[in-house]
Amino acid sequence: MAQFSIFSGLVLVGYSALEYGDPPMGVAFGQFEPADGYAVIKNECCTNHRDQSPLDLSVQTEAGVVIPCVGVGILDYSKELVPPCIEINILGIQHPLYGELFPQHVTMYERNLARE
């Protein structure tokens, strides 16, 4: 599974495999693994789950390409829950790029749709 890098501005704050998704909505999400740079934004990610746009969050592929999307959010519940309890959400990834980045999500969605 691919490993994606998460940045706040130019600072590397963490990684995620983005192991879950909702293809029709263009959403990918997964467990967030903090990097050293996360310490700078951790408080904001713990206390503000509404608008993190001032953090200038972005997600890059393993090749260093920024994934165009509507928004990125880090939901940190580490103060309330036992680890792993930090999730990253990427919203509004357009098709066909979504299918190129997350073919496993599309396959799973199509399988589930065929069962209905």
Protein backbone atom coordinates (compact mmCIF):
# COMPACT_ATOMS: atom_id res chain seq x y z
CA MET A 1 0.00 0.00 0.00
CA ALA A 2 1.26 3.48 -0.85
CA GLN A 3 2.61 5.80 1.83
CA PHE A 4 1.52 9.42 1.57
CA SER A 5 3.30 12.38 3.19
CA ILE A 6 1.34 15.12 4.95
CA PHE A 7 2.67 18.67 5.13
CA SER A 8 1.74 21.85 6.95
CA GLY A 9 3.14 24.45 4.61
CA LEU A 10 6.65 23.17 3.89
CA VAL A 11 6.93 21.19 7.15
CA LEU A 12 6.52 17.41 7.05
CA VAL A 13 4.04 16.59 9.82
CA GLY A 14 3.24 12.92 9.18
CA TYR A 15 2.38 9.97 7.02
CA SER A 16 -0.62 7.83 6.17
CA ALA A 17 -1.46 4.89 3.95
CA LEU A 18 -4.94 6.43 3.46
CA GLU A 19 -6.30 2.92 3.78
CA TYR A 20 -10.01 3.81 3.59
CA GLY A 21 -12.09 5.76 1.13
CA ASP A 22 -15.40 6.79 -0.37
CA PRO A 23 -14.83 6.97 -4.14
CA PRO A 24 -18.12 8.70 -5.13
CA MET A 25 -17.39 11.46 -2.61
CA GLY A 26 -13.71 11.72 -3.56
CA VAL A 27 -12.70 11.06 0.06
CA ALA A 28 -9.66 9.16 1.34
CA PHE A 29 -8.82 8.74 5.00
CA GLY A 30 -6.73 6.67 7.34
CA GLN A 31 -4.55 6.45 10.38
CA PHE A 32 -2.15 9.38 10.74
CA GLU A 33 1.42 8.65 11.84
CA PRO A 34 3.04 11.83 13.20
CA ALA A 35 6.51 13.00 12.16
CA ASP A 36 8.66 15.37 14.26
CA GLY A 37 7.06 18.44 12.63
CA TYR A 38 3.62 17.47 13.95
CA ALA A 39 4.49 18.90 17.39
CA VAL A 40 4.06 22.42 15.97
CA ILE A 41 0.42 21.86 14.90
CA LYS A 42 -0.68 19.14 17.35
CA ASN A 43 -2.62 21.45 19.67
CA GLU A 44 -4.62 22.86 16.77
CA CYS A 45 -5.40 19.35 15.48
CA CYS A 46 -6.58 18.31 18.96
CA THR A 47 -8.79 21.33 19.59
CA ASN A 48 -10.01 22.46 16.16
CA HIS A 49 -11.81 19.91 14.00
CA ARG A 50 -13.79 22.47 11.98
CA ASP A 51 -11.49 24.70 9.94
CA GLN A 52 -7.83 23.81 9.69
CA SER A 53 -7.21 25.87 6.56
CA PRO A 54 -4.71 28.16 8.41
CA LEU A 55 -2.48 25.08 8.82
CA ASP A 56 -2.03 24.91 5.02
CA LEU A 57 -2.28 21.10 5.03
CA SER A 58 -1.44 19.15 1.89
CA VAL A 59 -0.83 15.53 0.95
CA GLN A 60 1.86 14.28 -1.40
CA THR A 61 2.27 10.98 -3.20
CA GLU A 62 5.44 8.90 -2.84
CA ALA A 63 6.67 10.67 -5.99
CA GLY A 64 6.28 14.07 -4.27
CA VAL A 65 3.22 15.17 -6.24
CA VAL A 66 0.67 17.22 -4.27
CA ILE A 67 -2.82 15.71 -4.44
CA PRO A 68 -5.29 18.40 -5.53
CA CYS A 69 -8.33 18.36 -3.25
CA VAL A 70 -10.93 20.55 -1.56
CA GLY A 71 -9.48 20.12 1.93
CA VAL A 72 -7.36 18.15 4.36
CA GLY A 73 -8.03 17.66 8.06
CA ILE A 74 -6.23 15.94 10.92
CA LEU A 75 -8.49 14.74 13.73
CA ASP A 76 -6.41 14.09 16.84
CA TYR A 77 -8.20 12.40 19.74
CA SER A 78 -5.03 11.24 21.50
CA LYS A 79 -5.96 13.11 24.69
CA GLU A 80 -9.29 11.26 24.94
CA LEU A 81 -8.57 7.81 23.45
CA VAL A 82 -5.94 5.09 23.46
CA PRO A 83 -3.74 5.06 20.32
CA PRO A 84 -4.12 4.81 17.39
CA CYS A 85 -6.45 7.77 17.56
CA ILE A 86 -5.29 10.30 14.98
CA GLU A 87 -7.02 10.28 11.60
CA ILE A 88 -6.39 12.20 8.41
CA ASN A 89 -9.16 13.01 5.94
CA ILE A 90 -8.73 14.24 2.38
CA LEU A 91 -11.88 15.61 0.80
CA GLY A 92 -12.86 16.29 -2.78
CA ILE A 93 -10.30 14.43 -4.87
CA GLN A 94 -11.56 14.59 -8.46
CA HIS A 95 -12.03 11.61 -10.75
CA PRO A 96 -10.21 10.05 -12.61
CA LEU A 97 -7.28 10.98 -10.31
CA TYR A 98 -9.04 9.33 -7.36
CA GLY A 99 -9.12 6.00 -9.18
CA GLU A 100 -5.46 6.32 -10.15
CA LEU A 101 -4.37 7.01 -6.57
CA PHE A 102 -6.74 4.64 -4.79
CA PRO A 103 -7.69 1.77 -7.11
CA GLN A 104 -8.24 -0.49 -4.08
CA HIS A 105 -10.98 1.85 -2.76
CA VAL A 106 -12.71 1.85 -6.14
CA THR A 107 -12.53 -1.95 -6.39
CA MET A 108 -13.98 -2.38 -2.88
CA TYR A 109 -16.77 0.10 -3.64
CA GLU A 110 -17.67 -1.68 -6.88
CA ARG A 111 -17.72 -5.07 -5.10
CA ASN A 112 -20.01 -3.73 -2.40
CA LEU A 113 -22.26 -2.10 -4.98
CA ALA A 114 -22.55 -5.38 -6.93
CA ARG A 115 -23.74 -7.17 -3.77
CA GLU A 116 -26.70 -4.83 -3.35
